Amino acid sequence: MLEFITDVYEFIGWGGVVFMMAVESAAIPLPSEIIMPLAGWKLILERESSAWFILLAGFYGALGNLLGSLVAYYAGAIGGRPLLERYGKYVLITRKDLDRADSWFEKRGELTVFATRMMPVIRTFISIPAGVSRMNIWKFSIYTFLGAFPWSVGLAYGGYVLGENWEDLRSVMRPFDIPIILAVLVAVAWYVRHKLKELKAEAAEGRAGKA
């Protein structure tokens, strides 16, 4: 992956940042945690460009994030609620979940989109529920860009400062892996148990309604 990203930068430069961040934001596994630090290293530090180019990297990263997020948004809007109402139970999504998501995005959509753009993993997938809930597209676009910009700047700055040692960012974070993984596993177990109960109750209500 490192070689691929480096080759893209050598071939199309800043356009590669936009392209790869768009790919990542369309829910395809090409992590920004590698894309942006390498941009800070390969496109700024190695070319001896001014540190102000970190802001340019942030702009291109946020632009790519927005373009990819719009693809995921429209996938959610077009496939949308009917698809999830029919098949959502297979991924533990109930109609109550969809109702809650609609209400959440109606009341707190802007804050949700903005904040999650600075969270690993979640940032990649938040566009789909935003699309399903038909969040206002202009607000979605503005807050997506605003949230993605500081994330992209921060990662690019890390790559610029650390250069070929940019992976040291990972060594600093590694001690937190096990506690985070354990917490996530406990949360997932609780969530699955809770969702199975909800699905069972929903199915019972459906059968009672038909009777």
Protein backbone atom coordinates (compact mmCIF):
# COMPACT_ATOMS: atom_id res chain seq x y z
CA MET A 1 0.00 0.00 0.00
CA LEU A 2 2.87 2.37 0.82
CA GLU A 3 4.42 1.73 -2.59
CA PHE A 4 1.08 2.24 -4.32
CA ILE A 5 0.40 5.57 -2.61
CA THR A 6 3.96 6.75 -3.27
CA ASP A 7 3.66 5.80 -6.96
CA VAL A 8 0.38 7.72 -7.23
CA TYR A 9 1.99 10.82 -5.74
CA GLU A 10 4.93 10.58 -8.10
CA PHE A 11 2.58 10.22 -11.06
CA ILE A 12 -0.16 12.82 -10.41
CA GLY A 13 1.03 14.73 -7.32
CA TRP A 14 -1.69 16.60 -5.44
CA GLY A 15 -4.37 15.04 -7.61
CA GLY A 16 -3.45 11.76 -5.94
CA VAL A 17 -4.46 13.18 -2.55
CA VAL A 18 -7.90 14.11 -3.87
CA PHE A 19 -8.33 10.76 -5.64
CA MET A 20 -7.25 8.54 -2.76
CA MET A 21 -9.15 10.48 -0.10
CA ALA A 22 -12.25 10.20 -2.29
CA VAL A 23 -11.71 6.45 -2.53
CA GLU A 24 -11.36 6.18 1.26
CA SER A 25 -14.49 8.26 1.87
CA ALA A 26 -16.51 6.07 -0.49
CA ALA A 27 -16.08 3.29 2.11
CA ILE A 28 -13.21 1.56 0.28
CA PRO A 29 -10.36 0.50 2.63
CA LEU A 30 -7.58 2.95 1.76
CA PRO A 31 -6.87 4.65 5.11
CA SER A 32 -6.36 8.40 5.37
CA GLU A 33 -3.98 7.62 8.24
CA ILE A 34 -1.51 6.57 5.54
CA ILE A 35 -2.59 8.82 2.65
CA MET A 36 -2.19 12.15 4.44
CA PRO A 37 1.06 11.57 6.39
CA LEU A 38 2.66 10.36 3.16
CA ALA A 39 1.43 13.54 1.47
CA GLY A 40 3.14 15.60 4.16
CA TRP A 41 6.34 13.65 3.65
CA LYS A 42 6.44 12.98 -0.09
CA LEU A 43 4.70 16.07 -1.48
CA ILE A 44 5.95 18.72 0.95
CA LEU A 45 9.01 17.69 2.96
CA GLU A 46 10.87 15.81 0.20
CA ARG A 47 10.15 18.57 -2.31
CA GLU A 48 11.38 21.17 0.20
CA SER A 49 8.14 23.10 -0.06
CA SER A 50 7.04 25.63 2.55
CA ALA A 51 5.28 24.35 5.68
CA TRP A 52 2.30 26.41 4.52
CA PHE A 53 1.69 23.67 1.96
CA ILE A 54 0.32 21.63 4.86
CA LEU A 55 -2.82 23.76 4.59
CA LEU A 56 -2.95 22.97 0.87
CA ALA A 57 -2.68 19.28 1.74
CA GLY A 58 -5.57 19.74 4.16
CA PHE A 59 -7.66 21.42 1.46
CA TYR A 60 -7.06 18.65 -1.08
CA GLY A 61 -7.65 15.99 1.56
CA ALA A 62 -10.96 17.58 2.58
CA LEU A 63 -11.98 18.01 -1.06
CA GLY A 64 -11.35 14.33 -1.77
CA ASN A 65 -13.19 13.42 1.41
CA LEU A 66 -16.20 15.44 0.27
CA LEU A 67 -16.29 13.91 -3.21
CA GLY A 68 -16.12 10.34 -1.90
CA SER A 69 -18.64 11.11 0.83
CA LEU A 70 -21.13 12.37 -1.74
CA VAL A 71 -20.92 9.00 -3.52
CA ALA A 72 -21.67 7.20 -0.25
CA TYR A 73 -24.39 9.73 0.63
CA TYR A 74 -26.27 9.16 -2.63
CA ALA A 75 -25.84 5.40 -2.31
CA GLY A 76 -27.66 5.66 1.01
CA ALA A 77 -30.27 8.07 -0.36
CA ILE A 78 -31.04 5.97 -3.46
CA GLY A 79 -30.93 2.50 -1.86
CA GLY A 80 -32.31 4.11 1.22
CA ARG A 81 -34.84 3.17 3.79
CA PRO A 82 -36.93 0.67 1.77
CA LEU A 83 -33.84 -1.49 1.24
CA LEU A 84 -32.91 -1.36 4.93
CA GLU A 85 -36.47 -2.01 6.05
CA ARG A 86 -36.47 -5.17 3.96
CA TYR A 87 -32.97 -6.49 4.58
CA GLY A 88 -31.76 -4.53 7.62
CA LYS A 89 -32.54 -7.37 10.02
CA TYR A 90 -29.69 -9.36 8.51
CA VAL A 91 -27.25 -6.72 9.79
CA LEU A 92 -29.17 -6.10 13.05
CA ILE A 93 -30.92 -2.91 11.91
CA THR A 94 -34.53 -2.48 13.07
CA ARG A 95 -37.19 -0.04 11.96
CA LYS A 96 -36.78 1.70 15.32
CA ASP A 97 -33.11 2.21 14.47
CA LEU A 98 -34.10 3.89 11.22
CA ASP A 99 -36.61 6.11 13.01
CA ARG A 100 -33.98 7.09 15.58
CA ALA A 101 -31.44 7.83 12.84
CA ASP A 102 -33.93 10.06 11.02
CA SER A 103 -34.68 11.95 14.22
CA TRP A 104 -30.99 12.22 15.14
CA PHE A 105 -29.91 13.62 11.77
CA GLU A 106 -32.85 16.02 11.75
CA LYS A 107 -31.84 17.47 15.13
CA ARG A 108 -28.06 16.97 15.26
CA GLY A 109 -27.00 16.10 11.72
CA GLU A 110 -24.55 18.97 11.29
CA LEU A 111 -22.69 18.27 14.54
CA THR A 112 -22.67 14.53 13.88
CA VAL A 113 -21.18 14.85 10.41
CA PHE A 114 -18.63 17.43 11.52
CA ALA A 115 -17.45 15.50 14.60
CA THR A 116 -17.28 12.06 13.00
CA ARG A 117 -15.02 13.34 10.20
CA MET A 118 -12.30 13.47 12.87
CA MET A 119 -12.87 9.91 14.13
CA PRO A 120 -11.10 6.87 12.66
CA VAL A 121 -13.31 4.27 10.91
CA ILE A 122 -16.61 6.04 11.74
CA ARG A 123 -15.65 8.92 9.46
CA THR A 124 -15.69 6.59 6.48
CA PHE A 125 -19.22 5.26 6.97
CA ILE A 126 -21.23 8.17 8.40
CA SER A 127 -22.22 9.34 4.90
CA ILE A 128 -24.48 6.33 4.31
CA PRO A 129 -26.88 6.91 7.25
CA ALA A 130 -26.81 10.62 6.43
CA GLY A 131 -28.01 9.73 2.94
CA VAL A 132 -30.63 7.28 4.20
CA SER A 133 -31.99 10.02 6.48
CA ARG A 134 -31.93 12.48 3.57
CA MET A 135 -29.93 15.08 5.47
CA ASN A 136 -29.84 18.42 3.63
CA ILE A 137 -27.16 17.94 0.97
CA TRP A 138 -25.70 21.44 1.31
CA LYS A 139 -25.34 21.16 5.07
CA PHE A 140 -23.91 17.68 4.66
CA SER A 141 -21.32 18.97 2.18
CA ILE A 142 -20.30 21.99 4.25
CA TYR A 143 -19.88 20.10 7.53
CA THR A 144 -18.15 17.20 5.80
CA PHE A 145 -15.52 19.57 4.39
CA LEU A 146 -15.14 21.51 7.63
CA GLY A 147 -14.67 18.32 9.65
CA ALA A 148 -12.31 16.66 7.17
CA PHE A 149 -10.02 19.70 6.88
CA PRO A 150 -8.47 19.65 10.40
CA TRP A 151 -8.19 15.85 10.23
CA SER A 152 -6.29 16.06 6.95
CA VAL A 153 -4.10 18.95 8.13
CA GLY A 154 -3.18 17.11 11.33
CA LEU A 155 -2.15 13.94 9.54
CA ALA A 156 -0.24 15.83 6.86
CA TYR A 157 1.56 17.81 9.56
CA GLY A 158 2.56 14.59 11.28
CA GLY A 159 4.06 13.27 8.05
CA TYR A 160 5.83 16.59 7.42
CA VAL A 161 7.40 16.70 10.89
CA LEU A 162 8.39 13.04 11.09
CA GLY A 163 9.32 12.43 7.44
CA GLU A 164 10.40 8.86 6.83
CA ASN A 165 9.78 8.21 10.54
CA TRP A 166 6.08 9.07 10.19
CA GLU A 167 5.20 5.55 11.36
CA ASP A 168 6.36 6.64 14.83
CA LEU A 169 2.83 8.03 15.13
CA ARG A 170 1.67 4.43 15.17
CA SER A 171 4.16 3.35 17.86
CA VAL A 172 2.87 6.10 20.15
CA MET A 173 -0.71 4.88 19.71
CA ARG A 174 0.05 1.13 19.99
CA PRO A 175 -0.12 0.84 23.84
CA PHE A 176 -3.76 1.93 23.67
CA ASP A 177 -4.72 -0.85 21.22
CA ILE A 178 -5.57 -3.63 23.70
CA PRO A 179 -7.77 -1.53 26.05
CA ILE A 180 -9.58 -0.05 23.07
CA ILE A 181 -10.09 -3.46 21.45
CA LEU A 182 -11.44 -4.95 24.71
CA ALA A 183 -13.81 -2.03 25.20
CA VAL A 184 -15.04 -2.37 21.60
CA LEU A 185 -15.60 -6.15 22.00
CA VAL A 186 -17.65 -5.62 25.16
CA ALA A 187 -19.68 -2.90 23.46
CA VAL A 188 -20.26 -5.08 20.38
CA ALA A 189 -21.39 -8.04 22.50
CA TRP A 190 -23.87 -5.84 24.37
CA TYR A 191 -25.08 -4.28 21.12
CA VAL A 192 -25.66 -7.63 19.37
CA ARG A 193 -27.56 -9.01 22.38
CA HIS A 194 -29.69 -5.86 22.58
CA LYS A 195 -30.40 -5.85 18.83
CA LEU A 196 -31.40 -9.52 18.78
CA LYS A 197 -33.96 -8.79 21.49
CA GLU A 198 -35.30 -5.81 19.51
CA LEU A 199 -35.54 -7.86 16.31
CA LYS A 200 -37.36 -10.63 18.12
CA ALA A 201 -39.85 -8.15 19.60
CA GLU A 202 -40.33 -6.46 16.22
CA ALA A 203 -41.01 -9.80 14.54
CA ALA A 204 -43.55 -10.67 17.23
CA GLU A 205 -45.32 -7.33 16.70
CA GLY A 206 -45.43 -8.01 12.96
CA ARG A 207 -46.99 -11.41 13.44
CA ALA A 208 -49.54 -9.97 15.90
CA GLY A 209 -50.44 -7.25 13.39
CA LYS A 210 -51.13 -9.83 10.67
CA ALA A 211 -53.22 -12.01 12.98
